[in-house]
Protein backbone atom coordinates (compact mmCIF):
# COMPACT_ATOMS: atom_id res chain seq x y z
CA MET A 1 -46.17 -24.66 3.31
CA THR A 2 -43.84 -27.53 2.59
CA GLY A 3 -43.33 -26.30 -0.97
CA GLN A 4 -42.60 -22.74 0.25
CA ASN A 5 -40.09 -24.06 2.82
CA SER A 6 -38.42 -26.11 0.08
CA ILE A 7 -38.11 -23.04 -2.13
CA LEU A 8 -36.78 -20.93 0.78
CA LYS A 9 -34.23 -23.62 1.67
CA GLU A 10 -33.08 -23.89 -1.94
CA ARG A 11 -32.68 -20.14 -2.16
CA VAL A 12 -30.60 -20.00 1.08
CA ILE A 13 -28.37 -22.87 -0.16
CA SER A 14 -27.95 -21.11 -3.51
CA LEU A 15 -26.97 -17.83 -1.87
CA SER A 16 -24.57 -19.46 0.50
CA ARG A 17 -22.54 -20.73 -2.43
CA TRP A 18 -21.44 -17.20 -3.22
CA ASP A 19 -19.90 -16.98 0.19
CA PHE A 20 -18.23 -20.34 -0.23
CA TYR A 21 -16.67 -19.43 -3.52
CA ALA A 22 -15.57 -16.02 -2.18
CA VAL A 23 -13.81 -17.67 0.78
CA LEU A 24 -12.25 -20.13 -1.65
CA VAL A 25 -10.79 -17.24 -3.71
CA ILE A 26 -9.34 -15.60 -0.59
CA PHE A 27 -7.94 -18.90 0.59
CA PHE A 28 -6.31 -19.43 -2.82
CA VAL A 29 -4.75 -15.98 -2.46
CA LEU A 30 -3.40 -16.83 1.00
CA VAL A 31 -1.92 -20.09 -0.29
CA LEU A 32 -0.11 -18.31 -3.20
CA GLN A 33 1.14 -15.64 -0.81
CA ALA A 34 2.48 -18.31 1.50
CA LEU A 35 4.25 -20.05 -1.35
CA ASN A 36 5.91 -16.71 -2.20
CA TRP A 37 7.04 -16.03 1.43
CA TYR A 38 10.76 -16.15 0.56
CA HIS A 39 10.18 -14.01 -2.51
CA PHE A 40 9.15 -11.17 -0.24
CA PRO A 41 9.69 -8.30 0.37
CA LEU A 42 8.96 -6.88 -3.06
CA PHE A 43 10.83 -3.92 -4.56
CA LEU A 44 12.41 -1.22 -2.44
CA ASP A 45 9.76 0.97 -0.68
CA CYS A 46 9.55 -1.52 2.25
CA TYR A 47 13.13 -0.60 3.28
CA TYR A 48 12.17 3.04 3.81
CA HIS A 49 9.45 1.94 6.16
CA LEU A 50 11.87 -0.42 7.91
CA SER A 51 14.29 2.51 8.41
CA VAL A 52 11.50 4.50 10.06
CA MET A 53 10.51 1.54 12.23
CA MET A 54 14.15 1.11 13.36
CA GLY A 55 14.33 4.87 14.03
CA PHE A 56 11.23 4.70 16.18
CA ALA A 57 12.65 1.72 17.99
CA ASP A 58 15.90 3.66 18.81
CA ALA A 59 13.92 6.79 19.84
CA GLY A 60 11.56 4.78 22.01
CA GLY A 61 8.42 5.77 20.04
CA TRP A 62 7.19 8.39 17.61
CA VAL A 63 9.59 11.25 16.96
CA GLY A 64 9.00 14.31 14.75
CA VAL A 65 12.54 14.36 13.30
CA SER A 66 14.07 11.73 11.05
CA PHE A 67 17.47 11.64 12.69
CA TRP A 68 18.39 8.43 10.82
CA GLU A 69 18.26 10.22 7.42
CA TYR A 70 20.39 13.12 6.24
CA ALA A 71 22.42 12.48 9.41
CA PRO A 72 23.63 14.07 11.55
CA PHE A 73 21.26 16.99 10.89
CA GLY A 74 18.18 15.03 9.95
CA ARG A 75 14.94 16.36 8.54
CA PRO A 76 11.30 16.75 9.74
CA HIS A 77 9.53 13.41 9.94
CA LEU A 78 6.26 14.09 8.17
CA TYR A 79 5.24 10.54 7.09
CA PRO A 80 2.03 9.39 8.90
CA PRO A 81 3.04 6.89 11.58
CA LEU A 82 0.26 4.19 11.59
CA PHE A 83 2.07 1.59 9.44
CA HIS A 84 5.34 2.09 11.31
CA ILE A 85 3.52 1.59 14.62
CA LEU A 86 2.16 -1.73 13.41
CA GLU A 87 5.61 -2.75 12.11
CA LEU A 88 7.20 -1.81 15.41
CA ALA A 89 4.70 -3.98 17.30
CA VAL A 90 5.72 -7.01 15.21
CA PHE A 91 9.41 -6.11 15.51
CA LYS A 92 9.17 -5.83 19.28
CA SER A 93 7.65 -9.27 19.38
CA GLY A 94 11.08 -10.63 18.51
CA PHE A 95 11.04 -10.84 14.68
CA SER A 96 13.85 -9.60 12.44
CA PRO A 97 13.36 -6.53 10.25
CA ILE A 98 13.25 -8.62 7.06
CA THR A 99 10.58 -10.89 8.65
CA VAL A 100 8.52 -7.79 9.52
CA ALA A 101 8.65 -6.67 5.92
CA ARG A 102 7.78 -10.10 4.62
CA PHE A 103 4.87 -10.41 7.05
CA PHE A 104 3.12 -7.23 5.91
CA ASP A 105 3.82 -8.00 2.21
CA PHE A 106 2.16 -11.35 2.78
CA LEU A 107 -0.79 -10.05 4.66
CA ILE A 108 -1.96 -6.80 3.07
CA TYR A 109 -3.43 -8.12 -0.16
CA PRO A 110 -5.64 -10.94 1.30
CA PHE A 111 -6.53 -8.70 4.25
CA PHE A 112 -7.84 -5.94 1.91
CA LEU A 113 -9.73 -8.48 -0.25
CA PHE A 114 -11.42 -9.99 2.82
CA ILE A 115 -12.43 -6.70 4.43
CA ASP A 116 -13.59 -5.18 1.13
CA TRP A 117 -15.62 -8.37 0.33
CA ARG A 118 -17.28 -8.40 3.75
CA ILE A 119 -18.22 -4.70 3.50
CA LEU A 120 -19.74 -5.07 -0.01
CA ARG A 121 -21.49 -8.30 1.03
CA ASP A 122 -23.09 -6.57 4.10
CA ILE A 123 -24.17 -3.37 2.29
CA PHE A 124 -24.99 -4.57 -1.20
CA SER A 125 -25.29 -8.29 -1.95
CA LYS A 126 -23.30 -11.51 -1.93
CA GLU A 127 -23.33 -11.62 -5.74
CA LEU A 128 -22.02 -8.17 -6.18
CA ALA A 129 -19.33 -8.69 -3.52
CA PHE A 130 -18.17 -11.92 -5.23
CA PHE A 131 -17.96 -10.33 -8.69
CA ASN A 132 -15.97 -7.42 -7.28
CA LEU A 133 -13.65 -9.86 -5.50
CA LEU A 134 -12.97 -11.72 -8.74
CA LEU A 135 -12.24 -8.43 -10.60
CA LEU A 136 -9.77 -7.32 -7.90
CA ALA A 137 -8.07 -10.72 -7.93
CA SER A 138 -7.67 -10.59 -11.75
CA SER A 139 -5.43 -7.58 -11.75
CA TYR A 140 -1.67 -8.24 -11.31
CA PRO A 141 -0.75 -4.47 -11.41
CA LEU A 142 -3.25 -3.87 -8.59
CA TYR A 143 -1.66 -6.63 -6.55
CA LEU A 144 1.84 -5.02 -7.01
CA ALA A 145 0.42 -1.59 -6.10
CA MET A 146 -1.05 -2.93 -2.86
CA VAL A 147 2.05 -4.85 -1.76
CA ASN A 148 4.41 -1.96 -2.71
CA ASN A 149 2.24 0.82 -1.14
CA ILE A 150 0.88 -0.65 2.14
CA PRO A 151 0.30 2.71 3.95
CA PHE A 152 -1.64 3.91 0.87
CA VAL A 153 -3.82 0.75 1.09
CA LEU A 154 -4.40 1.17 4.83
CA ALA A 155 -5.60 4.81 4.26
CA LEU A 156 -7.93 3.66 1.54
CA LEU A 157 -9.32 0.78 3.57
CA ALA A 158 -9.87 3.15 6.52
CA GLY A 159 -11.82 5.45 4.17
CA ILE A 160 -13.97 2.54 2.90
CA LEU A 161 -14.66 1.47 6.50
CA SER A 162 -15.69 5.06 7.33
CA PHE A 163 -18.26 4.82 4.57
CA TYR A 164 -19.39 1.46 5.87
CA PHE A 165 -20.03 2.79 9.33
CA ILE A 166 -21.90 5.80 7.97
CA GLN A 167 -24.21 3.33 6.21
CA LYS A 168 -24.68 1.45 9.47
CA GLY A 169 -25.42 4.61 11.48
CA ARG A 170 -22.30 4.34 13.59
CA LEU A 171 -20.92 7.85 13.39
CA TRP A 172 -18.18 7.57 16.04
CA SER A 173 -16.67 4.55 14.31
CA SER A 174 -16.84 6.39 10.98
CA VAL A 175 -15.02 9.41 12.54
CA LEU A 176 -12.32 7.15 14.01
CA CYS A 177 -11.67 5.30 10.76
CA LEU A 178 -11.42 8.45 8.71
CA ALA A 179 -9.02 9.87 11.30
CA LEU A 180 -6.95 6.67 11.12
CA SER A 181 -6.71 7.32 7.34
CA PHE A 182 -4.85 10.57 8.07
CA TYR A 183 -2.43 8.68 10.30
CA ALA A 184 -1.78 6.15 7.51
CA HIS A 185 -0.96 8.12 4.30
CA SER A 186 -0.94 11.87 3.52
CA LEU A 187 -2.27 11.72 -0.05
CA MET A 188 -4.75 8.82 0.18
CA SER A 189 -6.21 10.23 3.40
CA TRP A 190 -7.32 13.40 1.64
CA ILE A 191 -8.69 11.34 -1.26
CA SER A 192 -10.72 9.34 1.31
CA PHE A 193 -11.83 12.58 2.96
CA ALA A 194 -12.91 13.94 -0.46
CA ALA A 195 -14.80 10.75 -1.23
CA ILE A 196 -16.77 10.88 2.06
CA PHE A 197 -17.44 14.60 1.52
CA ILE A 198 -18.59 14.16 -2.11
CA TYR A 199 -20.70 11.21 -0.96
CA GLY A 200 -22.41 13.53 1.52
CA LEU A 201 -23.11 16.03 -1.22
CA LEU A 202 -24.63 13.30 -3.49
CA ASN A 203 -26.61 11.41 -0.87
CA THR A 204 -29.03 13.50 1.21
CA ARG A 205 -29.89 10.59 3.54
CA THR A 206 -26.29 10.31 4.84
CA ARG A 207 -25.28 13.95 4.25
CA LYS A 208 -25.19 15.01 7.89
CA ALA A 209 -23.23 11.89 9.00
CA ALA A 210 -20.76 12.26 6.18
CA PHE A 211 -20.06 15.90 6.95
CA LEU A 212 -19.76 15.13 10.69
CA ALA A 213 -17.33 12.31 9.89
CA CYS A 214 -15.19 14.77 7.84
CA LEU A 215 -15.22 17.36 10.58
CA GLY A 216 -14.58 14.92 13.44
CA SER A 217 -11.74 13.19 11.62
CA CYS A 218 -9.96 16.53 11.00
CA VAL A 219 -10.24 17.32 14.74
CA LEU A 220 -8.75 13.92 15.76
CA ALA A 221 -6.08 14.12 13.06
CA SER A 222 -5.26 17.76 13.91
CA PRO A 223 -2.14 16.97 16.05
CA PHE A 224 -0.41 15.35 13.10
CA LEU A 225 -1.83 17.77 10.53
CA ILE A 226 -0.51 20.70 12.61
CA HIS A 227 2.92 18.98 12.81
CA GLN A 228 2.93 18.67 8.99
CA ALA A 229 1.82 22.24 8.55
CA LYS A 230 4.54 23.49 10.85
CA TYR A 231 7.17 22.17 8.44
CA TYR A 232 5.32 22.98 5.21
CA LEU A 233 8.40 24.80 3.76
CA PHE A 234 10.24 21.50 3.88
CA PHE A 235 7.84 19.73 1.51
CA ASN A 236 9.58 19.06 -1.81
CA PRO A 237 7.00 17.78 -4.36
CA VAL A 238 8.68 15.54 -6.82
CA ARG A 239 7.19 13.67 -9.80
CA VAL A 240 7.97 10.02 -9.22
CA LEU A 241 8.83 7.66 -12.03
CA GLU A 242 5.51 5.80 -11.72
CA PHE A 243 3.77 8.93 -13.02
CA PHE A 244 5.19 8.20 -16.43
CA PHE A 245 4.31 4.46 -16.69
CA PHE A 246 1.07 2.59 -16.43
CA SER A 247 -0.80 -0.40 -17.73
CA ALA A 248 -4.59 -0.38 -18.03
CA THR A 249 -7.30 -2.97 -18.80
CA PRO A 250 -9.69 -1.36 -21.35
CA VAL A 251 -12.49 -3.86 -20.73
CA LEU A 252 -12.47 -2.99 -17.01
CA TYR A 253 -12.60 0.71 -17.59
CA LEU A 254 -15.26 0.40 -20.29
CA LEU A 255 -17.52 -1.56 -17.95
CA SER A 256 -16.75 0.85 -15.14
CA PHE A 257 -17.98 3.78 -17.30
CA PHE A 258 -21.32 2.12 -17.72
CA GLY A 259 -21.21 1.15 -14.07
CA LEU A 260 -20.72 4.81 -13.19
CA LEU A 261 -23.97 5.69 -14.90
CA LEU A 262 -25.78 2.73 -13.44
CA ALA A 263 -24.53 3.40 -9.88
CA TYR A 264 -25.58 7.01 -10.15
CA ARG A 265 -29.02 5.93 -11.22
CA LYS A 266 -29.26 3.42 -8.36
CA ARG A 267 -28.28 6.09 -5.91
CA GLY A 268 -27.96 5.25 -2.21
CA PRO A 269 -24.62 3.64 -1.06
CA TYR A 270 -23.61 3.11 -4.74
CA LEU A 271 -22.88 6.80 -4.83
CA PHE A 272 -19.91 6.37 -2.51
CA PHE A 273 -17.95 4.51 -5.18
CA VAL A 274 -18.98 7.17 -7.65
CA ALA A 275 -17.44 9.69 -5.23
CA LEU A 276 -14.35 7.55 -4.67
CA ALA A 277 -13.81 7.29 -8.42
CA VAL A 278 -14.06 11.07 -8.70
CA SER A 279 -11.75 11.76 -5.83
CA MET A 280 -9.23 9.13 -7.17
CA SER A 281 -8.85 11.20 -10.29
CA ALA A 282 -6.42 13.33 -8.32
CA LEU A 283 -3.94 10.58 -8.92
CA LEU A 284 -3.87 11.54 -12.60
CA PHE A 285 -1.78 14.57 -11.57
CA THR A 286 0.45 12.76 -9.10
CA ASN A 287 0.57 9.02 -9.68
CA ARG A 288 -0.99 7.92 -13.02
CA ASP A 289 0.24 4.39 -12.48
CA ARG A 290 -1.76 4.11 -9.27
CA PHE A 291 -4.89 5.48 -10.95
CA PHE A 292 -4.89 3.21 -14.04
CA SER A 293 -2.99 0.16 -12.70
CA GLY A 294 -3.15 0.36 -8.99
CA GLN A 295 -5.62 1.52 -6.36
CA GLY A 296 -7.70 3.31 -8.92
CA CYS A 297 -8.78 -0.13 -10.07
CA ILE A 298 -10.69 -0.50 -6.74
CA PRO A 299 -13.62 1.90 -7.52
CA ALA A 300 -13.32 0.84 -11.23
CA SER A 301 -13.74 -2.80 -10.24
CA PHE A 302 -16.74 -2.06 -8.11
CA LEU A 303 -18.44 -0.07 -10.82
CA ALA A 304 -17.69 -2.79 -13.37
CA ALA A 305 -19.08 -5.40 -10.84
CA VAL A 306 -22.29 -3.37 -10.70
CA VAL A 307 -22.76 -3.94 -14.44
CA ILE A 308 -21.84 -7.59 -14.29
CA ASP A 309 -24.15 -8.15 -11.30
CA ASP A 310 -26.97 -6.37 -13.11
CA LEU A 311 -26.49 -8.56 -16.16
CA TRP A 312 -26.47 -11.68 -14.03
CA LYS A 313 -29.74 -10.79 -12.26
CA ARG A 314 -31.49 -9.58 -15.41
CA ILE A 315 -30.43 -12.29 -17.87
CA PHE A 316 -28.81 -15.32 -16.38
CA LEU A 317 -30.07 -15.87 -12.85
CA ASN A 318 -33.34 -17.63 -13.83
CA LYS A 319 -32.00 -19.28 -16.95
CA GLN A 320 -30.92 -22.87 -17.40
CA LYS A 321 -27.64 -24.01 -15.88
CA TRP A 322 -25.81 -24.01 -19.19
CA TYR A 323 -26.68 -20.27 -19.61
CA ARG A 324 -25.15 -19.55 -16.20
CA ALA A 325 -22.11 -21.71 -17.05
CA LEU A 326 -21.70 -19.73 -20.25
CA PHE A 327 -21.81 -16.44 -18.32
CA PHE A 328 -18.98 -17.52 -15.98
CA ALA A 329 -16.98 -18.99 -18.84
CA VAL A 330 -17.07 -15.64 -20.68
CA PHE A 331 -16.27 -13.80 -17.45
CA PHE A 332 -13.16 -15.90 -16.78
CA LEU A 333 -12.08 -15.75 -20.39
CA VAL A 334 -12.26 -11.96 -20.54
CA PHE A 335 -10.72 -11.18 -17.15
CA PHE A 336 -8.46 -14.17 -16.38
CA LEU A 337 -7.35 -15.79 -19.64
CA ALA A 338 -7.39 -13.37 -22.53
CA THR A 339 -7.20 -9.98 -20.95
CA PRO A 340 -5.95 -7.18 -23.25
CA VAL A 341 -3.78 -4.74 -21.37
CA VAL A 342 -2.54 -1.43 -22.71
CA VAL A 343 1.04 -0.75 -21.53
CA TYR A 344 2.20 2.87 -21.71
CA SER A 345 5.75 4.19 -21.48
CA PRO A 346 7.27 7.59 -22.38
CA GLU A 347 9.35 5.74 -24.89
CA VAL A 348 6.95 5.31 -27.79
CA THR A 349 8.70 2.14 -28.91
CA LYS A 350 7.60 0.50 -25.66
CA ASN A 351 3.92 1.33 -25.95
CA SER A 352 2.02 -1.82 -26.65
CA ILE A 353 -1.10 -3.89 -26.12
CA VAL A 354 -0.30 -7.21 -24.53
CA HIS A 355 -2.35 -10.23 -23.61
CA ARG A 356 -1.43 -11.09 -20.04
CA PRO A 357 -3.24 -14.16 -18.58
CA PRO A 358 -3.74 -13.14 -14.97
CA LEU A 359 -5.06 -16.51 -13.70
CA LEU A 360 -2.10 -16.68 -11.33
CA SER A 361 -1.62 -12.89 -11.19
CA ILE A 362 -1.15 -12.77 -7.46
CA SER A 363 1.86 -15.12 -7.74
CA SER A 364 4.55 -12.52 -8.18
CA ARG A 365 7.21 -15.16 -8.79
CA VAL A 366 5.38 -16.42 -11.93
CA PHE A 367 5.21 -12.94 -13.49
CA ASP A 368 8.62 -11.83 -12.30
CA GLU A 369 10.27 -14.77 -14.09
CA SER A 370 8.16 -14.36 -17.29
CA GLY A 371 8.69 -10.63 -17.52
CA ALA A 372 5.01 -10.07 -17.89
CA GLY A 373 4.83 -7.28 -15.40
CA GLY A 374 5.03 -4.53 -17.98
CA PRO A 375 7.43 -1.61 -17.97
CA ARG A 376 7.49 -1.33 -14.22
CA SER A 377 7.90 -5.09 -13.62
CA GLU A 378 10.76 -4.63 -11.24
CA LYS A 379 8.08 -3.85 -8.63
CA GLY A 380 7.31 -7.59 -8.72
CA MET A 381 10.90 -8.48 -7.93
CA THR A 382 12.68 -8.87 -4.59
CA PHE A 383 15.92 -7.05 -4.03
CA TYR A 384 16.62 -9.06 -0.89
CA HIS A 385 18.91 -11.94 -1.82
CA PRO A 386 20.18 -13.28 1.52
CA ALA A 387 23.61 -14.53 0.27
CA VAL A 388 24.39 -11.14 -1.23
CA VAL A 389 22.58 -8.59 0.99
CA ASP A 390 23.41 -10.27 4.28
CA ASP A 391 27.10 -10.27 3.47
CA MET A 392 27.10 -6.53 3.05
CA VAL A 393 24.89 -5.96 6.11
CA ARG A 394 27.40 -8.05 8.13
CA LEU A 395 30.34 -6.10 6.76
CA VAL A 396 28.71 -2.82 7.73
CA THR A 397 27.72 -3.91 11.26
CA GLU A 398 31.11 -5.50 12.01
CA ASN A 399 32.99 -2.39 10.97
CA SER A 400 30.92 0.30 12.60
CA SER A 401 29.10 1.24 15.84
CA SER A 402 25.43 2.09 16.17
CA GLU A 403 26.33 5.79 16.13
CA ASP A 404 28.25 5.75 12.82
CA ILE A 405 26.75 7.29 9.69
CA VAL A 406 26.84 5.62 6.23
CA PHE A 407 26.82 7.25 2.84
CA SER A 408 25.98 5.41 -0.40
CA ASN A 409 26.14 6.35 -4.09
CA TYR A 410 22.84 4.54 -4.57
CA SER A 411 20.23 5.94 -2.13
CA TYR A 412 17.76 3.05 -2.27
CA GLY A 413 20.43 0.34 -2.07
CA GLY A 414 22.20 2.20 0.70
CA GLY A 415 18.81 2.66 2.44
CA MET A 416 18.14 -1.04 2.23
CA ILE A 417 21.54 -1.92 3.80
CA THR A 418 21.41 0.79 6.51
CA ALA A 419 17.84 -0.18 7.49
CA LEU A 420 18.84 -3.85 7.91
CA ALA A 421 22.05 -2.88 9.70
CA ASN A 422 20.26 -0.26 11.88
CA ARG A 423 22.68 2.53 10.85
CA ALA A 424 21.96 6.21 10.04
CA THR A 425 22.63 7.51 6.50
CA SER A 426 23.72 10.94 5.29
CA GLY A 427 21.41 10.47 2.33
CA ALA A 428 17.73 9.51 2.02
CA MET A 429 15.61 7.12 -0.04
CA LEU A 430 12.67 9.46 -0.46
CA HIS A 431 13.21 13.11 -1.38
CA GLU A 432 9.77 14.59 -0.76
CA VAL A 433 10.96 16.25 2.46
CA LEU A 434 14.03 18.48 2.58
CA PRO A 435 16.78 18.17 5.25
CA PHE A 436 17.44 20.72 7.96
CA ASP A 437 20.96 21.09 6.67
CA LEU A 438 22.94 19.30 3.97
CA ARG A 439 26.58 20.21 3.47
CA ASP A 440 28.73 17.33 2.26
CA PRO A 441 27.03 13.86 2.65
CA VAL A 442 30.39 12.03 2.05
CA ALA A 443 32.26 14.09 4.64
CA GLN A 444 29.44 13.47 7.13
CA ALA A 445 29.72 9.69 6.84
CA ARG A 446 32.05 7.36 8.72
CA LEU A 447 31.43 4.64 6.10
CA VAL A 448 31.07 5.00 2.34
CA LEU A 449 29.15 2.19 0.53
CA VAL A 450 29.78 2.07 -3.21
CA PHE A 451 27.52 -0.15 -5.28
CA LYS A 452 28.48 -1.98 -8.48
CA ASP A 453 26.43 -1.66 -11.68
CA GLN A 454 24.84 -4.58 -13.57
CA GLN A 455 28.22 -5.28 -15.30
CA ASP A 456 29.83 -5.72 -11.90
CA ARG A 457 31.73 -2.39 -12.28
CA PHE A 458 32.10 0.66 -10.05
CA PHE A 459 31.31 4.11 -11.25
CA SER A 460 34.12 5.88 -13.11
CA GLY A 461 34.67 8.61 -10.49
CA LEU A 462 35.46 6.23 -7.65
CA PRO A 463 39.29 6.72 -7.65
CA GLN A 464 38.84 10.47 -7.44
CA LEU A 465 36.31 10.10 -4.59
CA VAL A 466 38.79 7.87 -2.66
CA GLU A 467 41.61 10.34 -3.14
CA ARG A 468 39.56 13.44 -2.27
CA TYR A 469 38.30 12.09 1.07
CA GLY A 470 41.20 9.76 1.87
CA LEU A 471 38.96 6.73 1.96
CA ARG A 472 40.35 3.39 3.15
CA LYS A 473 38.88 0.26 1.68
CA ILE A 474 37.54 -2.13 4.31
CA GLY A 475 36.09 -4.93 2.18
CA GLU A 476 34.13 -5.87 -0.88
CA THR A 477 31.23 -8.23 -1.64
CA ASP A 478 29.43 -9.22 -4.80
CA LEU A 479 27.13 -6.27 -4.24
CA ALA A 480 29.32 -3.32 -3.25
CA ALA A 481 32.51 -2.12 -1.69
CA LEU A 482 32.81 -0.52 1.77
CA TYR A 483 35.25 2.30 2.58
CA SER A 484 36.11 3.99 5.81
CA ASN A 485 36.27 7.73 6.11
CA ASP A 486 38.71 7.91 9.05
CA GLY A 487 38.62 11.72 9.09
CA CYS A 488 34.85 11.90 9.78
CA GLY A 489 33.92 13.44 13.16
CA PHE A 490 30.13 13.23 12.77
CA VAL A 491 27.93 10.77 14.64
CA ARG A 492 24.23 10.02 14.66
CA GLN A 493 22.19 12.21 17.07
CA VAL A 494 19.29 10.09 18.51
CA ILE A 495 16.31 12.30 19.41
CA PRO A 496 14.06 10.97 22.23
CA ALA A 497 10.50 10.07 21.33
CA LYS A 498 7.72 12.63 21.90
CA ILE A 499 5.13 9.86 22.10
CA PRO A 500 6.40 6.58 23.69
CA PHE A 501 5.68 3.30 21.99
CA TRP A 502 3.35 2.07 24.76
CA LEU A 503 1.14 5.15 24.39
CA MET A 504 1.06 4.91 20.60
CA PHE A 505 0.02 1.31 20.70
CA GLY A 506 -2.37 1.98 23.51
CA LEU A 507 -4.13 4.75 21.53
CA PHE A 508 -4.43 2.39 18.54
CA PHE A 509 -6.02 -0.33 20.61
CA ALA A 510 -8.26 2.30 22.20
CA VAL A 511 -9.56 3.20 18.76
CA LEU A 512 -10.18 -0.44 17.91
CA ALA A 513 -11.93 -0.96 21.29
CA SER A 514 -14.08 2.12 20.72
CA ILE A 515 -15.22 0.82 17.28
CA TYR A 516 -15.94 -2.64 18.76
CA ILE A 517 -17.95 -1.23 21.71
CA GLU A 518 -20.06 1.06 19.54
CA ASN A 519 -20.87 -1.80 17.17
CA LYS A 520 -21.80 -4.07 20.10
CA LEU A 521 -24.00 -1.40 21.57
CA MET A 522 -25.71 -0.73 18.20
CA LYS A 523 -26.45 -4.47 17.72
CA LYS A 524 -27.97 -4.70 21.24
CA LYS A 525 -30.09 -1.59 20.55
CA LEU A 526 -31.37 -3.16 17.28
CA THR A 527 -32.26 -6.40 19.05
C-alpha cells in the first residue's frame, strides 16, 4: 500500500506541474501586457468602438441608429452591442475613453488564453491544454488579431463556452453563451453557430443538445437579428484590406492537418474543433488574414496540440528525463525560436518566407520597433500619441459644442479625434452599413479637419476646398489643421435609447447569474 501511495503521490505532483507552468505562461503574458500599457490601444479599430460607446452614453443606452456617424442623418446601427455595453460600464465607472480602450486591449489576450486553457484542461487533459496554450502564445499575428478584433474574440469565446457546457450537460448555459455570441459579432457568431451545428451532426451523443443550443440561441438573439434583417438593404459588403494580406506558419498547419485526422478518429469532444476548423473556412472568402494569421489559428493550434500531445504520451512520457528535455527543446526551437513564416502580399515582390522568433511575440512594442510584424505590421502600432493627438482633441473641443458635426479628409483619423472629443462626424470609419442620406459631408459639418501626410503636407486640393465652402482656419497642430464652416446650419440629432443602460447591464448580469446558478445546481446534483 505504501508503494502504491507513493506512486499515486508522484503522479499527482507530476500532473500538477502542467498547471503550474500554464499559470506561469499566462502570468508572463500579463506582465508583458502591463509593460505595454502605454503602447495601447493598438491600431485604429478601437476608435470605432469608442465612438459607439460614446454614442450609447449620450443616448442613455442602446440605440438602433448611429446618429454620431453620417450626421446629421445617421445610419442604422447594426453592430452587435455586447462589447460596447462592457466598454460603457468601464467608462461610467469614471475612466477616460482612452483608458477604456487600453483596458480591453490589455485584458482580452490573457483572458482568452486563461478561459481556453481551463476549458481544454477540464474536458481533455492538462497536457493537451498546456501544449495548446504554448502554441497560441507563440503566434504574434494571432495576438494582433485578438487585440484588434475584440468583439470577434468575444463571439468565438462564447461559442467555445457553449460547446463546453454541452459537454457538461448544462443546456441552458450553452444556449445563453451561443446567444451572447450573436450579441458580440455578426460574422463570428454564425461561425460559432455553424461549429455547434456541425458538431451535433458529427457527434451522436451530443446531437440533441447541440441542436437545441442552436435553436434556443436563435430565439434569444431574435430581437437583434430581426433588427438587422429590418435594415438588410443597408448592408454594404466590402472586401477589407486584410483579405489580401496574411502570414502563415507552415509547421502549425502541417501538424493541424494530421491533427484533424487524429481528432476525427478520436471522436467525442475532439470533433468540436474539427467542426470549428470547417466553419472557420468561411473566413477564406471574407478575411483570409484572420483565417491564416488570426483566429483561424485557434482550431489549428488545438489540432496541432492533439498531435504533439499524442507524441508526448506515446514516445516521451515514460522515457528518461533527457528524452523529455529533448522533446521540449525541439518544441521551443520550432515554435518559439526558428519559426518559418510565409508572408503573402498582392505585390509579388513582397512575398517572402521569414524567420520570426516569437519568444516575445506578445510584446507588441518589440515587434513594432523591429518591423517584424509582416506586411500588416501597422496593426501592432499605436496611433495614440498623447502630445500630438491630445492637442488636436483639445483644439476641436475648445472650438465646438457637443452638437457640432466634424468632417475629416481621413475617415479613420477623423474618427479617432471625434471619438475622443465626443463629437459627431459627417463621415464614418467603417463602410459596411450605408447611411440614411448622404448629400454633402463637408457642407453638413461645422468643423473640417484636414490631416497632413507623412511628409507633413496637406493634400493638393485644400485651397479649392477652402474657397468653395468659405472655410476659416481656426488652428493647426503637428497632426492636422482645423477649419470652421461658418455657413453650416446642421447639428447632431441625438436619438434617445430604446434600451436604457441599466437594463442592458442588468440583462448581461442576469445571463451570468443564470449560468452560475445552473452550474451550482448541477454540481450539487452530482454530489
